[in-house]
């Protein structure tokens, strides 16, 4: 999810910090950011939105897939 990475980097937050704060491993966050096969689930997205101080909908497509 490029949106997560962009917001994380704008806040000068490392993958390690984000992963700790959402209860995931550093390698999982790195894999999501670098691999199209790995994805965050809705619980992850909600936790990420809390950490990055934004809305979960900021990470979801406007149209259904």
Protein backbone atom coordinates (compact mmCIF):
# COMPACT_ATOMS: atom_id res chain seq x y z
CA UNK A 1 0.00 0.00 0.00
CA UNK A 2 1.81 3.04 -1.24
CA UNK A 3 -0.55 5.32 0.69
CA UNK A 4 0.60 3.87 4.01
CA UNK A 5 4.24 4.14 3.06
CA UNK A 6 3.81 7.73 1.88
CA UNK A 7 2.11 8.83 5.09
CA UNK A 8 4.59 6.91 7.22
CA UNK A 9 7.55 8.50 5.47
CA UNK A 10 5.96 11.98 5.64
CA UNK A 11 5.91 11.56 9.42
CA UNK A 12 9.53 10.35 9.34
CA UNK A 13 8.40 7.04 10.88
CA UNK A 14 10.33 3.84 10.26
CA UNK A 15 8.79 0.53 9.25
CA UNK A 16 9.98 -0.82 12.58
CA UNK A 17 8.11 1.86 14.56
CA UNK A 18 4.91 1.36 12.58
CA UNK A 19 5.09 -2.40 12.90
CA UNK A 20 5.59 -2.19 16.68
CA UNK A 21 2.68 0.20 17.10
CA UNK A 22 0.25 -1.96 15.07
CA UNK A 23 1.40 -5.26 16.56
CA UNK A 24 2.96 -6.70 13.41
CA UNK A 25 6.51 -7.77 12.62
CA UNK A 26 8.92 -5.45 10.88
CA UNK A 27 9.29 -7.98 8.08
CA UNK A 28 5.52 -8.07 7.50
CA UNK A 29 5.32 -4.29 7.03
CA UNK A 30 8.35 -4.40 4.74
CA UNK A 31 6.79 -7.19 2.69
CA UNK A 32 3.51 -5.29 2.28
CA UNK A 33 5.36 -2.19 1.12
CA UNK A 34 7.57 -4.08 -1.34
CA UNK A 35 5.37 -6.97 -2.47
CA UNK A 36 2.02 -6.77 -4.24
CA UNK A 37 1.02 -10.19 -2.88
CA UNK A 38 1.05 -9.18 0.81
CA UNK A 39 -1.79 -6.98 2.04
CA UNK A 40 -2.98 -5.38 5.26
CA UNK A 41 -6.33 -6.60 6.58
CA UNK A 42 -9.08 -4.26 7.83
CA UNK A 43 -7.88 -4.50 11.44
CA UNK A 44 -4.37 -3.52 10.31
CA UNK A 45 -5.75 -0.60 8.29
CA UNK A 46 -7.72 0.68 11.26
CA UNK A 47 -4.68 0.46 13.55
CA UNK A 48 -2.46 2.15 10.95
CA UNK A 49 -4.98 4.99 10.64
CA UNK A 50 -4.85 5.49 14.42
CA UNK A 51 -1.05 5.57 14.43
CA UNK A 52 -0.82 7.88 11.40
CA UNK A 53 -3.68 10.09 12.64
CA UNK A 54 -5.91 9.75 9.60
CA UNK A 55 -9.01 7.89 8.45
CA UNK A 56 -8.98 4.22 7.42
CA UNK A 57 -10.81 5.24 4.24
CA UNK A 58 -7.64 7.07 3.17
CA UNK A 59 -6.17 3.62 2.42
CA UNK A 60 -9.17 2.10 0.64
CA UNK A 61 -10.18 2.49 -3.03
CA UNK A 62 -13.18 4.71 -3.70
CA UNK A 63 -14.76 2.17 -6.05
CA UNK A 64 -15.37 -1.47 -5.27
CA UNK A 65 -12.94 -3.93 -6.77
